[in-house]
Amino acid sequence: MIPITELAKKTGIDEKYLETYGKYMAKIDLNIRKELGKRKGKLILVTATNPTPAGEGKTTNSIGLSMALNALGHNTVVTLRQPSLGPVFGVKGGAAGGGKSRLEPFEPINLFLTGDFPAVSAAHNLLSAMIDNYIHHDHQPEIDLRRTYWPRNLDMNDRALRKVIVGLGGRFDGFPREDAFIITSASEVMAILGLSNNYVELKERLGKILIARSEQLDDMFAKDVKAQGAMAVLLRDALKPNLIQTIEGTPAIMHTGPFAN
């Protein structure tokens, strides 16, 4: 593997915009966009393939294509979504390519990379907790327990948690109600992270998440429980894309992980 500072130099990224995570991974400061100017490159979008029994799909083809173009003399960078722990430990397996068409460092990428997935899970579950806290303290307008839409979140396949009852244990443990868990890749927070251009926009989008309806049937949003600021703080570093590389040293940018299916 090429040290990440050398890879960044090869890619045209000044070291002042790097936040290194060990020798072979780094985050890219969003302030780099002020120096990029007008885009000159061409975009090749790999939207869908029919995966083989060995799992060859969008990621594997994208990595192989980027390395092939580099071998032909083109200055190529591949951009990909992050793997989810659920599929990594399930039948599907990892999402960092395979064989001679893979990313490095392979194992860290398939696990937590630089911690973006845990940050999304924490921000998602923070909103869940703040909704329950809002209900517990009888804030106005009151949330209709039968019309609470925001689920909980876990980056693991666990069928037993798809539908649950929360709030059991007495009056200090909240109100009993139906709830659900979704995997981190399916979180609306993950989609918002991928769509946001900067921290201000991220905070604004988070505040507009529909969480429930009131007893008067009015829409209620994350900003109504004052959650968007704390959620944005948890996601501050996750907003920055990650710089890694393919097995042949082709630069790769990995950012967010909403389901691509």
C-alpha atoms as a PDB file:
ATOM      1  CA  MET A   1       0.000   0.000   0.000  1.00  0.00           C
ATOM      2  CA  ILE A   2       1.042   3.586  -0.670  1.00  0.00           C
ATOM      3  CA  PRO A   3       1.240   5.798   2.466  1.00  0.00           C
ATOM      4  CA  ILE A   4      -1.849   8.018   2.525  1.00  0.00           C
ATOM      5  CA  THR A   5       0.161  11.271   2.391  1.00  0.00           C
ATOM      6  CA  GLU A   6       1.884  10.107  -0.811  1.00  0.00           C
ATOM      7  CA  LEU A   7      -1.432   8.968  -2.287  1.00  0.00           C
ATOM      8  CA  ALA A   8      -2.972  12.370  -1.526  1.00  0.00           C
ATOM      9  CA  LYS A   9      -0.079  14.130  -3.254  1.00  0.00           C
ATOM     10  CA  LYS A  10      -0.533  11.856  -6.272  1.00  0.00           C
ATOM     11  CA  THR A  11      -4.248  12.732  -6.304  1.00  0.00           C
ATOM     12  CA  GLY A  12      -3.602  16.472  -6.051  1.00  0.00           C
ATOM     13  CA  ILE A  13      -4.792  16.867  -2.456  1.00  0.00           C
ATOM     14  CA  ASP A  14      -2.658  19.212  -0.351  1.00  0.00           C
ATOM     15  CA  GLU A  15      -1.569  17.684   2.953  1.00  0.00           C
ATOM     16  CA  LYS A  16      -3.157  20.588   4.859  1.00  0.00           C
ATOM     17  CA  TYR A  17      -6.575  19.163   3.914  1.00  0.00           C
ATOM     18  CA  LEU A  18      -5.789  15.692   5.267  1.00  0.00           C
ATOM     19  CA  GLU A  19      -6.808  14.287   8.639  1.00  0.00           C
ATOM     20  CA  THR A  20      -4.924  11.001   8.802  1.00  0.00           C
ATOM     21  CA  TYR A  21      -6.216   7.838  10.462  1.00  0.00           C
ATOM     22  CA  GLY A  22      -3.044   5.767  10.685  1.00  0.00           C
ATOM     23  CA  LYS A  23      -0.760   5.308   7.656  1.00  0.00           C
ATOM     24  CA  TYR A  24      -3.292   4.330   4.990  1.00  0.00           C
ATOM     25  CA  MET A  25      -6.572   6.147   5.638  1.00  0.00           C
ATOM     26  CA  ALA A  26      -7.497   9.820   5.895  1.00  0.00           C
ATOM     27  CA  LYS A  27     -10.404  12.211   5.882  1.00  0.00           C
ATOM     28  CA  ILE A  28     -10.518  15.143   3.483  1.00  0.00           C
ATOM     29  CA  ASP A  29     -11.357  18.586   4.872  1.00  0.00           C
ATOM     30  CA  LEU A  30     -14.343  20.070   3.015  1.00  0.00           C
ATOM     31  CA  ASN A  31     -12.503  23.402   2.696  1.00  0.00           C
ATOM     32  CA  ILE A  32     -10.604  21.835  -0.198  1.00  0.00           C
ATOM     33  CA  ARG A  33     -13.558  22.710  -2.433  1.00  0.00           C
ATOM     34  CA  LYS A  34     -12.586  26.369  -2.275  1.00  0.00           C
ATOM     35  CA  GLU A  35      -9.466  25.553  -4.310  1.00  0.00           C
ATOM     36  CA  LEU A  36     -10.864  22.989  -6.730  1.00  0.00           C
ATOM     37  CA  GLY A  37     -12.393  25.373  -9.251  1.00  0.00           C
ATOM     38  CA  LYS A  38     -14.578  24.173 -12.098  1.00  0.00           C
ATOM     39  CA  ARG A  39     -14.803  20.407 -12.545  1.00  0.00           C
ATOM     40  CA  LYS A  40     -12.809  19.210 -15.534  1.00  0.00           C
ATOM     41  CA  GLY A  41     -13.091  15.461 -15.185  1.00  0.00           C
ATOM     42  CA  LYS A  42     -15.592  13.050 -16.677  1.00  0.00           C
ATOM     43  CA  LEU A  43     -18.011  11.020 -14.548  1.00  0.00           C
ATOM     44  CA  ILE A  44     -18.714   7.345 -15.191  1.00  0.00           C
ATOM     45  CA  LEU A  45     -21.699   6.183 -13.139  1.00  0.00           C
ATOM     46  CA  VAL A  46     -21.994   2.448 -12.381  1.00  0.00           C
ATOM     47  CA  THR A  47     -25.653   2.135 -11.438  1.00  0.00           C
ATOM     48  CA  ALA A  48     -26.498  -1.578 -11.487  1.00  0.00           C
ATOM     49  CA  THR A  49     -25.197  -5.025 -12.305  1.00  0.00           C
ATOM     50  CA  ASN A  50     -26.400  -8.576 -11.832  1.00  0.00           C
ATOM     51  CA  PRO A  51     -24.105  -9.918  -9.068  1.00  0.00           C
ATOM     52  CA  THR A  52     -22.476 -13.277  -9.694  1.00  0.00           C
ATOM     53  CA  PRO A  53     -22.586 -16.102  -7.104  1.00  0.00           C
ATOM     54  CA  ALA A  54     -19.157 -14.862  -5.986  1.00  0.00           C
ATOM     55  CA  GLY A  55     -20.669 -11.448  -5.274  1.00  0.00           C
ATOM     56  CA  GLU A  56     -19.239  -9.415  -8.166  1.00  0.00           C
ATOM     57  CA  GLY A  57     -21.414  -6.291  -8.396  1.00  0.00           C
ATOM     58  CA  LYS A  58     -21.274  -2.500  -8.573  1.00  0.00           C
ATOM     59  CA  THR A  59     -18.349  -2.023  -6.194  1.00  0.00           C
ATOM     60  CA  THR A  60     -16.111  -4.716  -7.687  1.00  0.00           C
ATOM     61  CA  ASN A  61     -16.741  -3.498 -11.235  1.00  0.00           C
ATOM     62  CA  SER A  62     -16.187   0.141 -10.283  1.00  0.00           C
ATOM     63  CA  ILE A  63     -12.841  -0.669  -8.625  1.00  0.00           C
ATOM     64  CA  GLY A  64     -11.684  -2.785 -11.587  1.00  0.00           C
ATOM     65  CA  LEU A  65     -12.764  -0.111 -14.072  1.00  0.00           C
ATOM     66  CA  SER A  66     -10.869   2.623 -12.213  1.00  0.00           C
ATOM     67  CA  MET A  67      -7.670   0.561 -12.145  1.00  0.00           C
ATOM     68  CA  ALA A  68      -8.016  -0.299 -15.840  1.00  0.00           C
ATOM     69  CA  LEU A  69      -8.415   3.368 -16.779  1.00  0.00           C
ATOM     70  CA  ASN A  70      -5.380   4.277 -14.684  1.00  0.00           C
ATOM     71  CA  ALA A  71      -3.376   1.531 -16.419  1.00  0.00           C
ATOM     72  CA  LEU A  72      -4.341   3.153 -19.738  1.00  0.00           C
ATOM     73  CA  GLY A  73      -2.860   6.450 -18.566  1.00  0.00           C
ATOM     74  CA  HIS A  74      -5.982   8.240 -17.342  1.00  0.00           C
ATOM     75  CA  ASN A  75      -5.978  10.097 -14.020  1.00  0.00           C
ATOM     76  CA  THR A  76      -8.758   8.155 -12.287  1.00  0.00           C
ATOM     77  CA  VAL A  77     -10.389   8.224  -8.848  1.00  0.00           C
ATOM     78  CA  VAL A  78     -13.095   5.742  -7.813  1.00  0.00           C
ATOM     79  CA  THR A  79     -15.844   6.859  -5.401  1.00  0.00           C
ATOM     80  CA  LEU A  80     -17.825   4.311  -3.390  1.00  0.00           C
ATOM     81  CA  ARG A  81     -20.256   3.921  -0.506  1.00  0.00           C
ATOM     82  CA  GLN A  82     -19.166   2.469   2.820  1.00  0.00           C
ATOM     83  CA  PRO A  83     -19.876  -1.169   3.786  1.00  0.00           C
ATOM     84  CA  SER A  84     -22.529  -2.000   6.379  1.00  0.00           C
ATOM     85  CA  LEU A  85     -21.725  -4.420   9.200  1.00  0.00           C
ATOM     86  CA  GLY A  86     -25.009  -6.283   8.712  1.00  0.00           C
ATOM     87  CA  PRO A  87     -24.180  -7.600   5.229  1.00  0.00           C
ATOM     88  CA  VAL A  88     -20.467  -7.930   6.135  1.00  0.00           C
ATOM     89  CA  PHE A  89     -21.348 -10.548   8.760  1.00  0.00           C
ATOM     90  CA  GLY A  90     -24.221 -11.984   6.707  1.00  0.00           C
ATOM     91  CA  VAL A  91     -24.515 -13.991   3.507  1.00  0.00           C
ATOM     92  CA  LYS A  92     -23.561 -11.066   1.268  1.00  0.00           C
ATOM     93  CA  GLY A  93     -20.192 -10.381   2.882  1.00  0.00           C
ATOM     94  CA  GLY A  94     -18.021  -7.289   2.619  1.00  0.00           C
ATOM     95  CA  ALA A  95     -18.371  -4.346   0.272  1.00  0.00           C
ATOM     96  CA  ALA A  96     -14.744  -3.457  -0.461  1.00  0.00           C
ATOM     97  CA  GLY A  97     -14.419  -5.515  -3.625  1.00  0.00           C
ATOM     98  CA  GLY A  98     -12.667  -8.866  -3.851  1.00  0.00           C
ATOM     99  CA  GLY A  99      -9.830 -10.784  -5.489  1.00  0.00           C
ATOM    100  CA  LYS A 100      -7.636  -8.455  -7.527  1.00  0.00           C
ATOM    101  CA  SER A 101     -10.363  -5.806  -7.621  1.00  0.00           C
ATOM    102  CA  ARG A 102     -10.525  -4.593  -4.046  1.00  0.00           C
ATOM    103  CA  LEU A 103      -9.810  -1.703  -1.727  1.00  0.00           C
ATOM    104  CA  GLU A 104      -7.090  -1.429   0.877  1.00  0.00           C
ATOM    105  CA  PRO A 105      -6.803  -1.583   3.851  1.00  0.00           C
ATOM    106  CA  PHE A 106      -9.431  -4.281   3.296  1.00  0.00           C
ATOM    107  CA  GLU A 107     -10.394  -5.295   6.856  1.00  0.00           C
ATOM    108  CA  PRO A 108     -10.697  -1.794   8.391  1.00  0.00           C
ATOM    109  CA  ILE A 109     -12.823  -0.646   5.442  1.00  0.00           C
ATOM    110  CA  ASN A 110     -15.250  -3.542   5.926  1.00  0.00           C
ATOM    111  CA  LEU A 111     -15.521  -2.830   9.655  1.00  0.00           C
ATOM    112  CA  PHE A 112     -15.658   0.754  10.968  1.00  0.00           C
ATOM    113  CA  LEU A 113     -13.305   2.591   8.565  1.00  0.00           C
ATOM    114  CA  THR A 114     -12.953   6.001  10.271  1.00  0.00           C
ATOM    115  CA  GLY A 115     -16.066   5.692  12.439  1.00  0.00           C
ATOM    116  CA  ASP A 116     -18.730   7.197  10.170  1.00  0.00           C
ATOM    117  CA  PHE A 117     -21.276   4.400  10.638  1.00  0.00           C
ATOM    118  CA  PRO A 118     -21.114   4.525  14.465  1.00  0.00           C
ATOM    119  CA  ALA A 119     -21.581   8.309  14.223  1.00  0.00           C
ATOM    120  CA  VAL A 120     -24.708   7.893  12.091  1.00  0.00           C
ATOM    121  CA  SER A 121     -26.078   5.256  14.483  1.00  0.00           C
ATOM    122  CA  ALA A 122     -25.411   7.541  17.459  1.00  0.00           C
ATOM    123  CA  ALA A 123     -27.098  10.544  15.815  1.00  0.00           C
ATOM    124  CA  HIS A 124     -30.095   8.431  14.785  1.00  0.00           C
ATOM    125  CA  ASN A 125     -30.560   6.928  18.262  1.00  0.00           C
ATOM    126  CA  LEU A 126     -30.038  10.305  19.915  1.00  0.00           C
ATOM    127  CA  LEU A 127     -33.133  11.532  18.078  1.00  0.00           C
ATOM    128  CA  SER A 128     -35.022   8.403  19.204  1.00  0.00           C
ATOM    129  CA  ALA A 129     -34.062   9.096  22.818  1.00  0.00           C
ATOM    130  CA  MET A 130     -35.025  12.770  22.581  1.00  0.00           C
ATOM    131  CA  ILE A 131     -38.433  11.840  21.191  1.00  0.00           C
ATOM    132  CA  ASP A 132     -39.071   9.536  24.159  1.00  0.00           C
ATOM    133  CA  ASN A 133     -37.791  12.211  26.528  1.00  0.00           C
ATOM    134  CA  TYR A 134     -40.176  14.739  24.959  1.00  0.00           C
ATOM    135  CA  ILE A 135     -43.088  12.322  25.457  1.00  0.00           C
ATOM    136  CA  HIS A 136     -42.047  11.472  29.047  1.00  0.00           C
ATOM    137  CA  HIS A 137     -42.026  15.116  30.148  1.00  0.00           C
ATOM    138  CA  ASP A 138     -45.409  15.895  28.527  1.00  0.00           C
ATOM    139  CA  HIS A 139     -44.066  18.710  26.379  1.00  0.00           C
ATOM    140  CA  GLN A 140     -46.521  20.589  24.208  1.00  0.00           C
ATOM    141  CA  PRO A 141     -47.751  19.949  21.624  1.00  0.00           C
ATOM    142  CA  GLU A 142     -48.153  16.339  22.745  1.00  0.00           C
ATOM    143  CA  ILE A 143     -46.893  13.619  20.404  1.00  0.00           C
ATOM    144  CA  ASP A 144     -49.491  11.013  19.448  1.00  0.00           C
ATOM    145  CA  LEU A 145     -47.909   7.698  20.521  1.00  0.00           C
ATOM    146  CA  ARG A 146     -49.784   5.905  17.743  1.00  0.00           C
ATOM    147  CA  ARG A 147     -48.282   8.212  15.137  1.00  0.00           C
ATOM    148  CA  THR A 148     -44.602   8.178  16.074  1.00  0.00           C
ATOM    149  CA  TYR A 149     -42.679   7.361  12.899  1.00  0.00           C
ATOM    150  CA  TRP A 150     -38.993   7.529  13.858  1.00  0.00           C
ATOM    151  CA  PRO A 151     -37.511   4.040  14.510  1.00  0.00           C
ATOM    152  CA  ARG A 152     -34.374   3.015  16.360  1.00  0.00           C
ATOM    153  CA  ASN A 153     -31.165   1.933  14.701  1.00  0.00           C
ATOM    154  CA  LEU A 154     -28.537  -0.819  14.770  1.00  0.00           C
ATOM    155  CA  ASP A 155     -25.888  -1.663  12.157  1.00  0.00           C
ATOM    156  CA  MET A 156     -26.434  -5.404  12.389  1.00  0.00           C
ATOM    157  CA  ASN A 157     -28.905  -7.965  11.031  1.00  0.00           C
ATOM    158  CA  ASP A 158     -31.169  -8.867  13.969  1.00  0.00           C
ATOM    159  CA  ARG A 159     -34.654 -10.060  13.009  1.00  0.00           C
ATOM    160  CA  ALA A 160     -35.860 -10.078  16.626  1.00  0.00           C
ATOM    161  CA  LEU A 161     -35.537  -6.283  16.784  1.00  0.00           C
ATOM    162  CA  ARG A 162     -37.527  -5.438  13.663  1.00  0.00           C
ATOM    163  CA  LYS A 163     -40.673  -4.884  15.757  1.00  0.00           C
ATOM    164  CA  VAL A 164     -40.394  -4.272  19.510  1.00  0.00           C
ATOM    165  CA  ILE A 165     -42.225  -2.783  22.503  1.00  0.00           C
ATOM    166  CA  VAL A 166     -40.330  -0.043  24.357  1.00  0.00           C
ATOM    167  CA  GLY A 167     -41.059   1.872  27.556  1.00  0.00           C
ATOM    168  CA  LEU A 168     -41.665  -1.139  29.806  1.00  0.00           C
ATOM    169  CA  GLY A 169     -40.571  -1.089  33.439  1.00  0.00           C
ATOM    170  CA  GLY A 170     -42.629   1.616  35.116  1.00  0.00           C
ATOM    171  CA  ARG A 171     -43.363   5.309  34.928  1.00  0.00           C
ATOM    172  CA  PHE A 172     -39.695   6.342  35.025  1.00  0.00           C
ATOM    173  CA  ASP A 173     -38.937   4.281  31.914  1.00  0.00           C
ATOM    174  CA  GLY A 174     -41.232   6.051  29.481  1.00  0.00           C
ATOM    175  CA  PHE A 175     -44.560   5.148  27.914  1.00  0.00           C
ATOM    176  CA  PRO A 176     -45.032   1.638  26.483  1.00  0.00           C
ATOM    177  CA  ARG A 177     -45.414   1.799  22.703  1.00  0.00           C
ATOM    178  CA  GLU A 178     -44.575  -0.097  19.555  1.00  0.00           C
ATOM    179  CA  ASP A 179     -41.219   0.661  17.993  1.00  0.00           C
ATOM    180  CA  ALA A 180     -38.841  -0.793  15.397  1.00  0.00           C
ATOM    181  CA  PHE A 181     -35.149  -1.093  14.559  1.00  0.00           C
ATOM    182  CA  ILE A 182     -33.656  -0.475  11.121  1.00  0.00           C
ATOM    183  CA  ILE A 183     -30.113  -1.037   9.896  1.00  0.00           C
ATOM    184  CA  THR A 184     -27.822   2.018   9.736  1.00  0.00           C
ATOM    185  CA  SER A 185     -27.666   2.037   5.926  1.00  0.00           C
ATOM    186  CA  ALA A 186     -31.441   2.528   5.825  1.00  0.00           C
ATOM    187  CA  SER A 187     -31.395   5.508   8.204  1.00  0.00           C
ATOM    188  CA  GLU A 188     -32.668   8.825   6.902  1.00  0.00           C
ATOM    189  CA  VAL A 189     -29.689  10.353   8.710  1.00  0.00           C
ATOM    190  CA  MET A 190     -27.372   8.440   6.355  1.00  0.00           C
ATOM    191  CA  ALA A 191     -29.207   9.795   3.302  1.00  0.00           C
ATOM    192  CA  ILE A 192     -29.065  13.336   4.679  1.00  0.00           C
ATOM    193  CA  LEU A 193     -25.340  12.975   5.316  1.00  0.00           C
ATOM    194  CA  GLY A 194     -24.818  12.000   1.684  1.00  0.00           C
ATOM    195  CA  LEU A 195     -26.870  14.936   0.367  1.00  0.00           C
ATOM    196  CA  SER A 196     -25.454  17.712   2.552  1.00  0.00           C
ATOM    197  CA  ASN A 197     -22.773  19.995   1.124  1.00  0.00           C
ATOM    198  CA  ASN A 198     -21.698  21.585   4.409  1.00  0.00           C
ATOM    199  CA  TYR A 199     -22.302  21.633   8.153  1.00  0.00           C
ATOM    200  CA  VAL A 200     -24.976  24.360   8.021  1.00  0.00           C
ATOM    201  CA  GLU A 201     -26.974  22.461   5.402  1.00  0.00           C
ATOM    202  CA  LEU A 202     -26.556  19.231   7.359  1.00  0.00           C
ATOM    203  CA  LYS A 203     -28.042  20.803  10.492  1.00  0.00           C
ATOM    204  CA  GLU A 204     -30.926  22.308   8.509  1.00  0.00           C
ATOM    205  CA  ARG A 205     -31.792  19.002   6.818  1.00  0.00           C
ATOM    206  CA  LEU A 206     -31.650  17.115  10.131  1.00  0.00           C
ATOM    207  CA  GLY A 207     -34.109  19.564  11.650  1.00  0.00           C
ATOM    208  CA  LYS A 208     -36.629  18.783   8.880  1.00  0.00           C
ATOM    209  CA  ILE A 209     -36.856  15.037   9.645  1.00  0.00           C
ATOM    210  CA  LEU A 210     -40.514  14.079  10.141  1.00  0.00           C
ATOM    211  CA  ILE A 211     -40.684  12.202  13.451  1.00  0.00           C
ATOM    212  CA  ALA A 212     -44.366  12.016  14.395  1.00  0.00           C
ATOM    213  CA  ARG A 213     -47.731  13.741  14.457  1.00  0.00           C
ATOM    214  CA  SER A 214     -49.192  15.606  17.374  1.00  0.00           C
ATOM    215  CA  GLU A 215     -52.515  14.871  19.093  1.00  0.00           C
ATOM    216  CA  GLN A 216     -53.883  17.610  16.824  1.00  0.00           C
ATOM    217  CA  LEU A 217     -52.496  15.697  13.796  1.00  0.00           C
ATOM    218  CA  ASP A 218     -49.915  18.369  12.983  1.00  0.00           C
ATOM    219  CA  ASP A 219     -46.567  17.224  11.560  1.00  0.00           C
ATOM    220  CA  MET A 220     -43.709  17.226  14.070  1.00  0.00           C
ATOM    221  CA  PHE A 221     -40.055  17.402  13.123  1.00  0.00           C
ATOM    222  CA  ALA A 222     -36.663  16.841  14.729  1.00  0.00           C
ATOM    223  CA  LYS A 223     -36.342  20.590  15.276  1.00  0.00           C
ATOM    224  CA  ASP A 224     -39.492  20.475  17.459  1.00  0.00           C
ATOM    225  CA  VAL A 225     -37.596  18.336  19.995  1.00  0.00           C
ATOM    226  CA  LYS A 226     -34.454  20.469  19.455  1.00  0.00           C
ATOM    227  CA  ALA A 227     -32.368  17.512  18.292  1.00  0.00           C
ATOM    228  CA  GLN A 228     -30.729  18.827  15.120  1.00  0.00           C
ATOM    229  CA  GLY A 229     -27.821  20.639  16.783  1.00  0.00           C
ATOM    230  CA  ALA A 230     -26.635  17.689  18.861  1.00  0.00           C
ATOM    231  CA  MET A 231     -27.114  15.315  15.910  1.00  0.00           C
ATOM    232  CA  ALA A 232     -25.025  17.566  13.657  1.00  0.00           C
ATOM    233  CA  VAL A 233     -22.207  17.649  16.223  1.00  0.00           C
ATOM    234  CA  LEU A 234     -22.063  13.834  16.213  1.00  0.00           C
ATOM    235  CA  LEU A 235     -21.881  13.868  12.402  1.00  0.00           C
ATOM    236  CA  ARG A 236     -19.318  16.640  12.039  1.00  0.00           C
ATOM    237  CA  ASP A 237     -16.433  14.347  11.051  1.00  0.00           C
ATOM    238  CA  ALA A 238     -18.626  11.850   9.196  1.00  0.00           C
ATOM    239  CA  LEU A 239     -19.494  14.655   6.770  1.00  0.00           C
ATOM    240  CA  LYS A 240     -15.897  14.580   5.503  1.00  0.00           C
ATOM    241  CA  PRO A 241     -15.137  11.961   2.798  1.00  0.00           C
ATOM    242  CA  ASN A 242     -12.514   9.255   3.346  1.00  0.00           C
ATOM    243  CA  LEU A 243      -9.437   8.778   1.163  1.00  0.00           C
ATOM    244  CA  ILE A 244      -8.221   5.191   0.684  1.00  0.00           C
ATOM    245  CA  GLN A 245      -6.847   3.199  -2.295  1.00  0.00           C
ATOM    246  CA  THR A 246      -7.301   0.164  -4.497  1.00  0.00           C
ATOM    247  CA  ILE A 247      -4.922  -2.802  -4.455  1.00  0.00           C
ATOM    248  CA  GLU A 248      -2.995  -1.140  -7.334  1.00  0.00           C
ATOM    249  CA  GLY A 249      -2.780   2.271  -5.663  1.00  0.00           C
ATOM    250  CA  THR A 250      -5.657   3.964  -7.502  1.00  0.00           C
ATOM    251  CA  PRO A 251      -7.100   6.682  -5.228  1.00  0.00           C
ATOM    252  CA  ALA A 252     -10.535   5.877  -3.812  1.00  0.00           C
ATOM    253  CA  ILE A 253     -12.948   8.206  -2.043  1.00  0.00           C
ATOM    254  CA  MET A 254     -15.484   6.516   0.237  1.00  0.00           C
ATOM    255  CA  HIS A 255     -18.296   8.598   1.699  1.00  0.00           C
ATOM    256  CA  THR A 256     -21.511   7.632   3.517  1.00  0.00           C
ATOM    257  CA  GLY A 257     -23.309   4.327   3.116  1.00  0.00           C
ATOM    258  CA  PRO A 258     -26.992   4.494   2.165  1.00  0.00           C
ATOM    259  CA  PHE A 259     -28.303   1.293   0.600  1.00  0.00           C
ATOM    260  CA  ALA A 260     -27.436   1.305  -3.092  1.00  0.00           C
ATOM    261  CA  ASN A 261     -29.923  -1.407  -4.076  1.00  0.00           C
END
